[in-house]
């Protein structure tokens, strides 16, 4: 799982593994693969919160809302924040990973693990 830094007032480390993706889906009540259809404020907050689960477990969704409000009130730009979240999600491996070999459907001849 690749980590991506994002600065929202202070620097946070985002990582999207299975746990983070499940946190996101539970918080929003829908699968992450439906993001392209609706990418609003709820999605941004839920993604940031889920992405912080591994490295910043003390941060709640309410904390993320407050961070974003403070960041934006001080002139912060949401664009690089969304870019960092997108980069972290694409690096997680759940949505394809061009740096990895594809899975072969042919028999390798190996005995399955028991």
PDB file of N, CA and C in Angstrom:
ATOM      1  N   UNK A   1       0.853  -1.167   0.000  1.00  0.00           N
ATOM      2  CA  UNK A   1       0.000   0.000   0.000  1.00  0.00           C
ATOM      3  C   UNK A   1       0.901   1.233   0.000  1.00  0.00           C
ATOM      4  N   UNK A   2       0.722   2.051  -1.003  1.00  0.00           N
ATOM      5  CA  UNK A   2       1.533   3.254  -1.156  1.00  0.00           C
ATOM      6  C   UNK A   2       0.917   4.399  -0.362  1.00  0.00           C
ATOM      7  N   UNK A   3       1.762   5.179   0.265  1.00  0.00           N
ATOM      8  CA  UNK A   3       1.305   6.319   1.048  1.00  0.00           C
ATOM      9  C   UNK A   3       1.541   7.603   0.271  1.00  0.00           C
ATOM     10  N   UNK A   4       0.618   8.550   0.445  1.00  0.00           N
ATOM     11  CA  UNK A   4       0.699   9.838  -0.230  1.00  0.00           C
ATOM     12  C   UNK A   4       0.516  10.928   0.817  1.00  0.00           C
ATOM     13  N   UNK A   5       1.373  11.925   0.797  1.00  0.00           N
ATOM     14  CA  UNK A   5       1.291  13.038   1.739  1.00  0.00           C
ATOM     15  C   UNK A   5       0.308  14.084   1.203  1.00  0.00           C
ATOM     16  N   UNK A   6      -0.439  14.683   2.135  1.00  0.00           N
ATOM     17  CA  UNK A   6      -1.348  15.769   1.786  1.00  0.00           C
ATOM     18  C   UNK A   6      -1.235  16.822   2.885  1.00  0.00           C
ATOM     19  N   UNK A   7      -1.181  18.079   2.478  1.00  0.00           N
ATOM     20  CA  UNK A   7      -1.059  19.159   3.457  1.00  0.00           C
ATOM     21  C   UNK A   7      -2.396  19.877   3.582  1.00  0.00           C
ATOM     22  N   UNK A   8      -2.984  19.756   4.772  1.00  0.00           N
ATOM     23  CA  UNK A   8      -4.241  20.437   5.097  1.00  0.00           C
ATOM     24  C   UNK A   8      -3.978  21.144   6.421  1.00  0.00           C
ATOM     25  N   UNK A   9      -3.298  22.282   6.349  1.00  0.00           N
ATOM     26  CA  UNK A   9      -2.830  22.923   7.574  1.00  0.00           C
ATOM     27  C   UNK A   9      -1.519  22.274   7.981  1.00  0.00           C
ATOM     28  N   UNK A  10      -1.583  21.027   8.420  1.00  0.00           N
ATOM     29  CA  UNK A  10      -0.364  20.243   8.656  1.00  0.00           C
ATOM     30  C   UNK A  10      -0.362  19.075   7.668  1.00  0.00           C
ATOM     31  N   UNK A  11       0.714  18.339   7.633  1.00  0.00           N
ATOM     32  CA  UNK A  11       0.845  17.253   6.665  1.00  0.00           C
ATOM     33  C   UNK A  11       0.315  15.944   7.249  1.00  0.00           C
ATOM     34  N   UNK A  12      -0.508  15.272   6.458  1.00  0.00           N
ATOM     35  CA  UNK A  12      -1.070  13.978   6.813  1.00  0.00           C
ATOM     36  C   UNK A  12      -0.649  12.961   5.756  1.00  0.00           C
ATOM     37  N   UNK A  13      -0.597  11.711   6.159  1.00  0.00           N
ATOM     38  CA  UNK A  13      -0.232  10.637   5.246  1.00  0.00           C
ATOM     39  C   UNK A  13      -1.468   9.797   4.954  1.00  0.00           C
ATOM     40  N   UNK A  14      -1.832   9.730   3.680  1.00  0.00           N
ATOM     41  CA  UNK A  14      -2.994   8.959   3.245  1.00  0.00           C
ATOM     42  C   UNK A  14      -2.549   7.597   2.730  1.00  0.00           C
ATOM     43  N   UNK A  15      -3.352   6.590   3.016  1.00  0.00           N
ATOM     44  CA  UNK A  15      -3.096   5.246   2.498  1.00  0.00           C
ATOM     45  C   UNK A  15      -4.444   4.546   2.370  1.00  0.00           C
ATOM     46  N   UNK A  16      -4.663   3.898   1.250  1.00  0.00           N
ATOM     47  CA  UNK A  16      -5.924   3.188   1.023  1.00  0.00           C
ATOM     48  C   UNK A  16      -5.676   1.706   0.835  1.00  0.00           C
ATOM     49  N   UNK A  17      -5.850   0.976   1.923  1.00  0.00           N
ATOM     50  CA  UNK A  17      -5.861  -0.474   1.868  1.00  0.00           C
ATOM     51  C   UNK A  17      -7.313  -0.910   2.010  1.00  0.00           C
ATOM     52  N   UNK A  18      -7.512  -2.187   2.184  1.00  0.00           N
ATOM     53  CA  UNK A  18      -8.862  -2.726   2.304  1.00  0.00           C
ATOM     54  C   UNK A  18      -9.610  -2.102   3.476  1.00  0.00           C
ATOM     55  N   UNK A  19      -8.946  -1.938   4.610  1.00  0.00           N
ATOM     56  CA  UNK A  19      -9.593  -1.342   5.783  1.00  0.00           C
ATOM     57  C   UNK A  19     -10.097   0.065   5.477  1.00  0.00           C
ATOM     58  N   UNK A  20      -9.271   0.876   4.864  1.00  0.00           N
ATOM     59  CA  UNK A  20      -9.661   2.253   4.544  1.00  0.00           C
ATOM     60  C   UNK A  20     -10.833   2.284   3.563  1.00  0.00           C
ATOM     61  N   UNK A  21     -10.808   1.415   2.576  1.00  0.00           N
ATOM     62  CA  UNK A  21     -11.901   1.375   1.605  1.00  0.00           C
ATOM     63  C   UNK A  21     -13.205   0.947   2.264  1.00  0.00           C
ATOM     64  N   UNK A  22     -13.123   0.018   3.206  1.00  0.00           N
ATOM     65  CA  UNK A  22     -14.322  -0.396   3.934  1.00  0.00           C
ATOM     66  C   UNK A  22     -14.843   0.734   4.810  1.00  0.00           C
ATOM     67  N   UNK A  23     -13.956   1.470   5.452  1.00  0.00           N
ATOM     68  CA  UNK A  23     -14.378   2.625   6.261  1.00  0.00           C
ATOM     69  C   UNK A  23     -15.131   3.609   5.380  1.00  0.00           C
ATOM     70  N   UNK A  24     -14.574   3.901   4.212  1.00  0.00           N
ATOM     71  CA  UNK A  24     -15.231   4.821   3.284  1.00  0.00           C
ATOM     72  C   UNK A  24     -16.626   4.320   2.916  1.00  0.00           C
ATOM     73  N   UNK A  25     -16.720   3.060   2.507  1.00  0.00           N
ATOM     74  CA  UNK A  25     -18.004   2.517   2.055  1.00  0.00           C
ATOM     75  C   UNK A  25     -19.036   2.488   3.182  1.00  0.00           C
ATOM     76  N   UNK A  26     -18.601   2.180   4.402  1.00  0.00           N
ATOM     77  CA  UNK A  26     -19.537   2.202   5.540  1.00  0.00           C
ATOM     78  C   UNK A  26     -20.008   3.623   5.836  1.00  0.00           C
ATOM     79  N   UNK A  27     -19.080   4.586   5.812  1.00  0.00           N
ATOM     80  CA  UNK A  27     -19.452   5.973   6.118  1.00  0.00           C
ATOM     81  C   UNK A  27     -20.419   6.534   5.086  1.00  0.00           C
ATOM     82  N   UNK A  28     -20.207   6.217   3.821  1.00  0.00           N
ATOM     83  CA  UNK A  28     -21.029   6.796   2.765  1.00  0.00           C
ATOM     84  C   UNK A  28     -22.208   5.905   2.377  1.00  0.00           C
ATOM     85  N   UNK A  29     -22.138   4.634   2.740  1.00  0.00           N
ATOM     86  CA  UNK A  29     -23.233   3.732   2.433  1.00  0.00           C
ATOM     87  C   UNK A  29     -23.349   3.357   0.973  1.00  0.00           C
ATOM     88  N   UNK A  30     -22.218   3.411   0.260  1.00  0.00           N
ATOM     89  CA  UNK A  30     -22.213   2.987  -1.144  1.00  0.00           C
ATOM     90  C   UNK A  30     -20.806   2.568  -1.553  1.00  0.00           C
ATOM     91  N   UNK A  31     -20.695   1.773  -2.596  1.00  0.00           N
ATOM     92  CA  UNK A  31     -19.378   1.290  -3.028  1.00  0.00           C
ATOM     93  C   UNK A  31     -18.505   2.422  -3.582  1.00  0.00           C
ATOM     94  N   UNK A  32     -17.222   2.281  -3.382  1.00  0.00           N
ATOM     95  CA  UNK A  32     -16.283   3.303  -3.838  1.00  0.00           C
ATOM     96  C   UNK A  32     -16.262   3.416  -5.364  1.00  0.00           C
ATOM     97  N   UNK A  33     -16.608   2.348  -6.071  1.00  0.00           N
ATOM     98  CA  UNK A  33     -16.564   2.406  -7.536  1.00  0.00           C
ATOM     99  C   UNK A  33     -17.670   3.283  -8.113  1.00  0.00           C
ATOM    100  N   UNK A  34     -18.570   3.809  -7.284  1.00  0.00           N
ATOM    101  CA  UNK A  34     -19.602   4.730  -7.749  1.00  0.00           C
ATOM    102  C   UNK A  34     -19.180   6.197  -7.630  1.00  0.00           C
ATOM    103  N   UNK A  35     -17.942   6.452  -7.284  1.00  0.00           N
ATOM    104  CA  UNK A  35     -17.472   7.817  -7.073  1.00  0.00           C
ATOM    105  C   UNK A  35     -17.584   8.707  -8.305  1.00  0.00           C
ATOM    106  N   UNK A  36     -17.325   8.162  -9.453  1.00  0.00           N
ATOM    107  CA  UNK A  36     -17.320   8.968 -10.675  1.00  0.00           C
ATOM    108  C   UNK A  36     -18.669   9.632 -10.916  1.00  0.00           C
ATOM    109  N   UNK A  37     -19.732   9.022 -10.422  1.00  0.00           N
ATOM    110  CA  UNK A  37     -21.067   9.560 -10.639  1.00  0.00           C
ATOM    111  C   UNK A  37     -21.425  10.707  -9.699  1.00  0.00           C
ATOM    112  N   UNK A  38     -20.786  10.783  -8.539  1.00  0.00           N
ATOM    113  CA  UNK A  38     -21.168  11.777  -7.552  1.00  0.00           C
ATOM    114  C   UNK A  38     -19.988  12.055  -6.634  1.00  0.00           C
ATOM    115  N   UNK A  39     -19.309  13.155  -6.857  1.00  0.00           N
ATOM    116  CA  UNK A  39     -18.105  13.484  -6.091  1.00  0.00           C
ATOM    117  C   UNK A  39     -18.316  14.820  -5.398  1.00  0.00           C
ATOM    118  N   UNK A  40     -19.044  14.792  -4.275  1.00  0.00           N
ATOM    119  CA  UNK A  40     -19.353  16.016  -3.544  1.00  0.00           C
ATOM    120  C   UNK A  40     -18.565  16.128  -2.255  1.00  0.00           C
ATOM    121  N   UNK A  41     -18.990  17.039  -1.410  1.00  0.00           N
ATOM    122  CA  UNK A  41     -18.324  17.312  -0.141  1.00  0.00           C
ATOM    123  C   UNK A  41     -18.312  16.074   0.753  1.00  0.00           C
ATOM    124  N   UNK A  42     -19.441  15.357   0.830  1.00  0.00           N
ATOM    125  CA  UNK A  42     -19.483  14.140   1.653  1.00  0.00           C
ATOM    126  C   UNK A  42     -18.417  13.148   1.219  1.00  0.00           C
ATOM    127  N   UNK A  43     -18.228  13.020  -0.080  1.00  0.00           N
ATOM    128  CA  UNK A  43     -17.236  12.076  -0.609  1.00  0.00           C
ATOM    129  C   UNK A  43     -15.829  12.523  -0.227  1.00  0.00           C
ATOM    130  N   UNK A  44     -15.522  13.792  -0.378  1.00  0.00           N
ATOM    131  CA  UNK A  44     -14.183  14.305  -0.053  1.00  0.00           C
ATOM    132  C   UNK A  44     -13.874  14.073   1.425  1.00  0.00           C
ATOM    133  N   UNK A  45     -14.811  14.410   2.295  1.00  0.00           N
ATOM    134  CA  UNK A  45     -14.601  14.219   3.735  1.00  0.00           C
ATOM    135  C   UNK A  45     -14.425  12.734   4.058  1.00  0.00           C
ATOM    136  N   UNK A  46     -15.296  11.888   3.514  1.00  0.00           N
ATOM    137  CA  UNK A  46     -15.221  10.450   3.782  1.00  0.00           C
ATOM    138  C   UNK A  46     -13.915   9.853   3.262  1.00  0.00           C
ATOM    139  N   UNK A  47     -13.466  10.283   2.088  1.00  0.00           N
ATOM    140  CA  UNK A  47     -12.211   9.770   1.535  1.00  0.00           C
ATOM    141  C   UNK A  47     -11.013  10.201   2.372  1.00  0.00           C
ATOM    142  N   UNK A  48     -10.982  11.462   2.755  1.00  0.00           N
ATOM    143  CA  UNK A  48      -9.870  11.928   3.589  1.00  0.00           C
ATOM    144  C   UNK A  48      -9.848  11.174   4.915  1.00  0.00           C
ATOM    145  N   UNK A  49     -11.011  11.035   5.526  1.00  0.00           N
ATOM    146  CA  UNK A  49     -11.072  10.321   6.798  1.00  0.00           C
ATOM    147  C   UNK A  49     -10.611   8.875   6.625  1.00  0.00           C
ATOM    148  N   UNK A  50     -11.128   8.186   5.624  1.00  0.00           N
ATOM    149  CA  UNK A  50     -10.743   6.794   5.386  1.00  0.00           C
ATOM    150  C   UNK A  50      -9.256   6.674   5.079  1.00  0.00           C
ATOM    151  N   UNK A  51      -8.726   7.607   4.299  1.00  0.00           N
ATOM    152  CA  UNK A  51      -7.307   7.580   3.948  1.00  0.00           C
ATOM    153  C   UNK A  51      -6.388   7.801   5.133  1.00  0.00           C
ATOM    154  N   UNK A  52      -6.922   8.366   6.220  1.00  0.00           N
ATOM    155  CA  UNK A  52      -6.124   8.630   7.419  1.00  0.00           C
ATOM    156  C   UNK A  52      -6.193   7.499   8.442  1.00  0.00           C
ATOM    157  N   UNK A  53      -7.027   6.502   8.196  1.00  0.00           N
ATOM    158  CA  UNK A  53      -7.264   5.418   9.162  1.00  0.00           C
ATOM    159  C   UNK A  53      -5.971   4.750   9.625  1.00  0.00           C
ATOM    160  N   UNK A  54      -5.054   4.467   8.726  1.00  0.00           N
ATOM    161  CA  UNK A  54      -3.836   3.746   9.082  1.00  0.00           C
ATOM    162  C   UNK A  54      -2.831   4.601   9.848  1.00  0.00           C
ATOM    163  N   UNK A  55      -2.606   5.819   9.375  1.00  0.00           N
ATOM    164  CA  UNK A  55      -1.538   6.645   9.939  1.00  0.00           C
ATOM    165  C   UNK A  55      -2.010   7.688  10.946  1.00  0.00           C
ATOM    166  N   UNK A  56      -3.298   7.967  10.965  1.00  0.00           N
ATOM    167  CA  UNK A  56      -3.845   8.980  11.882  1.00  0.00           C
ATOM    168  C   UNK A  56      -5.188   8.493  12.436  1.00  0.00           C
ATOM    169  N   UNK A  57      -5.194   7.366  13.149  1.00  0.00           N
ATOM    170  CA  UNK A  57      -6.456   6.789  13.608  1.00  0.00           C
ATOM    171  C   UNK A  57      -7.217   7.673  14.592  1.00  0.00           C
ATOM    172  N   UNK A  58      -6.546   8.621  15.170  1.00  0.00           N
ATOM    173  CA  UNK A  58      -7.193   9.528  16.124  1.00  0.00           C
ATOM    174  C   UNK A  58      -8.060  10.588  15.448  1.00  0.00           C
ATOM    175  N   UNK A  59      -7.925  10.742  14.128  1.00  0.00           N
ATOM    176  CA  UNK A  59      -8.662  11.764  13.382  1.00  0.00           C
ATOM    177  C   UNK A  59     -10.044  11.225  13.016  1.00  0.00           C
ATOM    178  N   UNK A  60     -11.082  11.961  13.398  1.00  0.00           N
ATOM    179  CA  UNK A  60     -12.463  11.570  13.086  1.00  0.00           C
ATOM    180  C   UNK A  60     -12.936  12.305  11.829  1.00  0.00           C
ATOM    181  N   UNK A  61     -14.084  11.901  11.324  1.00  0.00           N
ATOM    182  CA  UNK A  61     -14.676  12.590  10.170  1.00  0.00           C
ATOM    183  C   UNK A  61     -14.986  14.044  10.542  1.00  0.00           C
ATOM    184  N   UNK A  62     -15.437  14.287  11.774  1.00  0.00           N
ATOM    185  CA  UNK A  62     -15.682  15.654  12.224  1.00  0.00           C
ATOM    186  C   UNK A  62     -14.392  16.466  12.229  1.00  0.00           C
ATOM    187  N   UNK A  63     -13.287  15.845  12.634  1.00  0.00           N
ATOM    188  CA  UNK A  63     -11.986  16.518  12.608  1.00  0.00           C
ATOM    189  C   UNK A  63     -11.616  16.912  11.180  1.00  0.00           C
ATOM    190  N   UNK A  64     -11.880  16.016  10.237  1.00  0.00           N
ATOM    191  CA  UNK A  64     -11.573  16.296   8.823  1.00  0.00           C
ATOM    192  C   UNK A  64     -12.388  17.494   8.346  1.00  0.00           C
ATOM    193  N   UNK A  65     -13.651  17.548   8.698  1.00  0.00           N
ATOM    194  CA  UNK A  65     -14.489  18.706   8.328  1.00  0.00           C
ATOM    195  C   UNK A  65     -13.894  19.991   8.879  1.00  0.00           C
ATOM    196  N   UNK A  66     -13.505  19.968  10.148  1.00  0.00           N
ATOM    197  CA  UNK A  66     -12.920  21.165  10.770  1.00  0.00           C
ATOM    198  C   UNK A  66     -11.595  21.551  10.118  1.00  0.00           C
ATOM    199  N   UNK A  67     -10.770  20.540   9.795  1.00  0.00           N
ATOM    200  CA  UNK A  67      -9.491  20.797   9.108  1.00  0.00           C
ATOM    201  C   UNK A  67      -9.725  21.491   7.773  1.00  0.00           C
ATOM    202  N   UNK A  68     -10.669  20.935   7.014  1.00  0.00           N
ATOM    203  CA  UNK A  68     -10.950  21.501   5.695  1.00  0.00           C
ATOM    204  C   UNK A  68     -11.490  22.924   5.806  1.00  0.00           C
ATOM    205  N   UNK A  69     -12.400  23.164   6.750  1.00  0.00           N
ATOM    206  CA  UNK A  69     -12.927  24.520   6.940  1.00  0.00           C
ATOM    207  C   UNK A  69     -11.805  25.497   7.253  1.00  0.00           C
ATOM    208  N   UNK A  70     -10.948  25.134   8.198  1.00  0.00           N
ATOM    209  CA  UNK A  70      -9.833  26.004   8.584  1.00  0.00           C
ATOM    210  C   UNK A  70      -8.874  26.218   7.413  1.00  0.00           C
ATOM    211  N   UNK A  71      -8.551  25.142   6.714  1.00  0.00           N
ATOM    212  CA  UNK A  71      -7.648  25.198   5.568  1.00  0.00           C
ATOM    213  C   UNK A  71      -8.191  26.124   4.483  1.00  0.00           C
ATOM    214  N   UNK A  72      -9.460  25.967   4.153  1.00  0.00           N
ATOM    215  CA  UNK A  72     -10.067  26.783   3.097  1.00  0.00           C
ATOM    216  C   UNK A  72     -10.263  28.236   3.525  1.00  0.00           C
ATOM    217  N   UNK A  73     -10.603  28.459   4.792  1.00  0.00           N
ATOM    218  CA  UNK A  73     -10.756  29.824   5.296  1.00  0.00           C
ATOM    219  C   UNK A  73      -9.447  30.593   5.233  1.00  0.00           C
ATOM    220  N   UNK A  74      -8.326  29.881   5.347  1.00  0.00           N
ATOM    221  CA  UNK A  74      -7.007  30.509   5.290  1.00  0.00           C
ATOM    222  C   UNK A  74      -6.483  30.610   3.869  1.00  0.00           C
ATOM    223  N   UNK A  75      -7.350  30.358   2.885  1.00  0.00           N
ATOM    224  CA  UNK A  75      -6.951  30.497   1.491  1.00  0.00           C
ATOM    225  C   UNK A  75      -6.441  29.231   0.838  1.00  0.00           C
ATOM    226  N   UNK A  76      -6.586  28.097   1.507  1.00  0.00           N
ATOM    227  CA  UNK A  76      -6.136  26.825   0.927  1.00  0.00           C
ATOM    228  C   UNK A  76      -6.923  26.474  -0.322  1.00  0.00           C
ATOM    229  N   UNK A  77      -6.311  25.673  -1.175  1.00  0.00           N
ATOM    230  CA  UNK A  77      -6.925  25.237  -2.435  1.00  0.00           C
ATOM    231  C   UNK A  77      -7.245  23.748  -2.332  1.00  0.00           C
ATOM    232  N   UNK A  78      -8.486  23.388  -2.557  1.00  0.00           N
ATOM    233  CA  UNK A  78      -8.919  21.991  -2.439  1.00  0.00           C
ATOM    234  C   UNK A  78      -8.385  21.104  -3.566  1.00  0.00           C
ATOM    235  N   UNK A  79      -7.988  21.709  -4.683  1.00  0.00           N
ATOM    236  CA  UNK A  79      -7.544  20.933  -5.846  1.00  0.00           C
ATOM    237  C   UNK A  79      -6.385  19.986  -5.539  1.00  0.00           C
ATOM    238  N   UNK A  80      -5.290  20.456  -4.906  1.00  0.00           N
ATOM    239  CA  UNK A  80      -4.207  19.510  -4.608  1.00  0.00           C
ATOM    240  C   UNK A  80      -4.593  18.462  -3.559  1.00  0.00           C
ATOM    241  N   UNK A  81      -5.539  18.777  -2.701  1.00  0.00           N
ATOM    242  CA  UNK A  81      -6.021  17.812  -1.713  1.00  0.00           C
ATOM    243  C   UNK A  81      -6.727  16.663  -2.443  1.00  0.00           C
ATOM    244  N   UNK A  82      -7.605  17.009  -3.359  1.00  0.00           N
ATOM    245  CA  UNK A  82      -8.323  15.989  -4.138  1.00  0.00           C
ATOM    246  C   UNK A  82      -7.347  15.198  -5.002  1.00  0.00           C
ATOM    247  N   UNK A  83      -6.349  15.862  -5.549  1.00  0.00           N
ATOM    248  CA  UNK A  83      -5.341  15.167  -6.360  1.00  0.00           C
ATOM    249  C   UNK A  83      -4.576  14.143  -5.517  1.00  0.00           C
ATOM    250  N   UNK A  84      -4.224  14.500  -4.282  1.00  0.00           N
ATOM    251  CA  UNK A  84      -3.505  13.577  -3.399  1.00  0.00           C
ATOM    252  C   UNK A  84      -4.377  12.378  -3.046  1.00  0.00           C
ATOM    253  N   UNK A  85      -5.647  12.631  -2.756  1.00  0.00           N
ATOM    254  CA  UNK A  85      -6.583  11.536  -2.448  1.00  0.00           C
ATOM    255  C   UNK A  85      -6.701  10.611  -3.652  1.00  0.00           C
ATOM    256  N   UNK A  86      -6.861  11.181  -4.835  1.00  0.00           N
ATOM    257  CA  UNK A  86      -6.986  10.382  -6.059  1.00  0.00           C
ATOM    258  C   UNK A  86      -5.740   9.544  -6.300  1.00  0.00           C
ATOM    259  N   UNK A  87      -4.580  10.142  -6.097  1.00  0.00           N
ATOM    260  CA  UNK A  87      -3.320   9.420  -6.282  1.00  0.00           C
ATOM    261  C   UNK A  87      -3.228   8.239  -5.310  1.00  0.00           C
ATOM    262  N   UNK A  88      -3.599   8.476  -4.052  1.00  0.00           N
ATOM    263  CA  UNK A  88      -3.534   7.410  -3.047  1.00  0.00           C
ATOM    264  C   UNK A  88      -4.508   6.280  -3.380  1.00  0.00           C
ATOM    265  N   UNK A  89      -5.694   6.631  -3.841  1.00  0.00           N
ATOM    266  CA  UNK A  89      -6.684   5.604  -4.195  1.00  0.00           C
ATOM    267  C   UNK A  89      -6.194   4.780  -5.379  1.00  0.00           C
ATOM    268  N   UNK A  90      -5.685   5.431  -6.397  1.00  0.00           N
ATOM    269  CA  UNK A  90      -5.229   4.707  -7.583  1.00  0.00           C
ATOM    270  C   UNK A  90      -4.012   3.827  -7.269  1.00  0.00           C
ATOM    271  N   UNK A  91      -3.252   4.186  -6.251  1.00  0.00           N
ATOM    272  CA  UNK A  91      -2.064   3.415  -5.888  1.00  0.00           C
ATOM    273  C   UNK A  91      -2.385   2.197  -5.029  1.00  0.00           C
ATOM    274  N   UNK A  92      -3.624   2.079  -4.565  1.00  0.00           N
ATOM    275  CA  UNK A  92      -3.956   1.014  -3.615  1.00  0.00           C
ATOM    276  C   UNK A  92      -4.027  -0.370  -4.247  1.00  0.00           C
ATOM    277  N   UNK A  93      -4.209  -0.451  -5.553  1.00  0.00           N
ATOM    278  CA  UNK A  93      -4.241  -1.749  -6.213  1.00  0.00           C
ATOM    279  C   UNK A  93      -5.630  -2.307  -6.460  1.00  0.00           C
ATOM    280  N   UNK A  94      -6.644  -1.741  -5.868  1.00  0.00           N
ATOM    281  CA  UNK A  94      -8.005  -2.243  -6.055  1.00  0.00           C
ATOM    282  C   UNK A  94      -8.585  -1.868  -7.407  1.00  0.00           C
ATOM    283  N   UNK A  95      -8.007  -0.901  -8.060  1.00  0.00           N
ATOM    284  CA  UNK A  95      -8.570  -0.389  -9.312  1.00  0.00           C
ATOM    285  C   UNK A  95      -7.597  -0.545 -10.461  1.00  0.00           C
ATOM    286  N   UNK A  96      -6.767  -1.567 -10.371  1.00  0.00           N
ATOM    287  CA  UNK A  96      -5.761  -1.817 -11.398  1.00  0.00           C
ATOM    288  C   UNK A  96      -4.441  -1.220 -10.977  1.00  0.00           C
ATOM    289  N   UNK A  97      -3.382  -1.858 -11.363  1.00  0.00           N
ATOM    290  CA  UNK A  97      -2.053  -1.385 -11.020  1.00  0.00           C
ATOM    291  C   UNK A  97      -1.133  -1.722 -12.183  1.00  0.00           C
ATOM    292  N   UNK A  98      -0.845  -0.752 -13.027  1.00  0.00           N
ATOM    293  CA  UNK A  98      -0.059  -1.021 -14.237  1.00  0.00           C
ATOM    294  C   UNK A  98       1.369  -1.472 -13.970  1.00  0.00           C
ATOM    295  N   UNK A  99       1.868  -1.324 -12.744  1.00  0.00           N
ATOM    296  CA  UNK A  99       3.239  -1.746 -12.453  1.00  0.00           C
ATOM    297  C   UNK A  99       3.316  -3.224 -12.086  1.00  0.00           C
ATOM    298  N   UNK A 100       2.179  -3.862 -11.905  1.00  0.00           N
ATOM    299  CA  UNK A 100       2.159  -5.270 -11.522  1.00  0.00           C
ATOM    300  C   UNK A 100       1.843  -6.140 -12.735  1.00  0.00           C
ATOM    301  N   UNK A 101       2.347  -7.349 -12.727  1.00  0.00           N
ATOM    302  CA  UNK A 101       2.041  -8.304 -13.791  1.00  0.00           C
ATOM    303  C   UNK A 101       0.578  -8.707 -13.696  1.00  0.00           C
ATOM    304  N   UNK A 102       0.008  -9.075 -14.820  1.00  0.00           N
ATOM    305  CA  UNK A 102      -1.384  -9.513 -14.809  1.00  0.00           C
ATOM    306  C   UNK A 102      -1.466 -10.946 -14.291  1.00  0.00           C
ATOM    307  N   UNK A 103      -2.622 -11.289 -13.765  1.00  0.00           N
ATOM    308  CA  UNK A 103      -2.837 -12.633 -13.241  1.00  0.00           C
ATOM    309  C   UNK A 103      -3.009 -13.589 -14.403  1.00  0.00           C
ATOM    310  N   UNK A 104      -2.336 -14.708 -14.341  1.00  0.00           N
ATOM    311  CA  UNK A 104      -2.437 -15.716 -15.388  1.00  0.00           C
ATOM    312  C   UNK A 104      -3.575 -16.674 -15.064  1.00  0.00           C
ATOM    313  N   UNK A 105      -4.312 -17.060 -16.086  1.00  0.00           N
ATOM    314  CA  UNK A 105      -5.396 -18.022 -15.887  1.00  0.00           C
ATOM    315  C   UNK A 105      -4.958 -19.432 -16.259  1.00  0.00           C
ATOM    316  N   UNK A 106      -3.697 -19.574 -16.620  1.00  0.00           N
ATOM    317  CA  UNK A 106      -3.202 -20.910 -16.965  1.00  0.00           C
ATOM    318  C   UNK A 106      -2.677 -21.600 -15.711  1.00  0.00           C
ATOM    319  N   UNK A 107      -2.657 -22.903 -15.717  1.00  0.00           N
ATOM    320  CA  UNK A 107      -2.187 -23.690 -14.586  1.00  0.00           C
ATOM    321  C   UNK A 107      -0.682 -23.573 -14.479  1.00  0.00           C
ATOM    322  N   UNK A 108      -0.201 -23.178 -13.305  1.00  0.00           N
ATOM    323  CA  UNK A 108       1.229 -23.015 -13.098  1.00  0.00           C
ATOM    324  C   UNK A 108       1.919 -24.344 -12.785  1.00  0.00           C
ATOM    325  N   UNK A 109       1.122 -25.367 -12.491  1.00  0.00           N
ATOM    326  CA  UNK A 109       1.680 -26.636 -12.148  1.00  0.00           C
ATOM    327  C   UNK A 109       2.020 -26.768 -10.667  1.00  0.00           C
ATOM    328  N   UNK A 110       1.837 -25.701  -9.904  1.00  0.00           N
ATOM    329  CA  UNK A 110       2.129 -25.733  -8.478  1.00  0.00           C
ATOM    330  C   UNK A 110       0.975 -26.337  -7.713  1.00  0.00           C
ATOM    331  N   UNK A 111       1.291 -26.956  -6.614  1.00  0.00           N
ATOM    332  CA  UNK A 111       0.268 -27.525  -5.731  1.00  0.00           C
ATOM    333  C   UNK A 111      -0.316 -26.388  -4.892  1.00  0.00           C
ATOM    334  N   UNK A 112      -1.636 -26.282  -4.800  1.00  0.00           N
ATOM    335  CA  UNK A 112      -2.234 -25.213  -3.989  1.00  0.00           C
ATOM    336  C   UNK A 112      -1.838 -25.345  -2.520  1.00  0.00           C
ATOM    337  N   UNK A 113      -1.707 -24.207  -1.850  1.00  0.00           N
ATOM    338  CA  UNK A 113      -1.413 -24.198  -0.416  1.00  0.00           C
ATOM    339  C   UNK A 113      -2.604 -24.744   0.350  1.00  0.00           C
ATOM    340  N   UNK A 114      -2.336 -25.441   1.428  1.00  0.00           N
ATOM    341  CA  UNK A 114      -3.436 -25.993   2.239  1.00  0.00           C
ATOM    342  C   UNK A 114      -3.575 -25.238   3.518  1.00  0.00           C
TER     343      UNK A 114
END
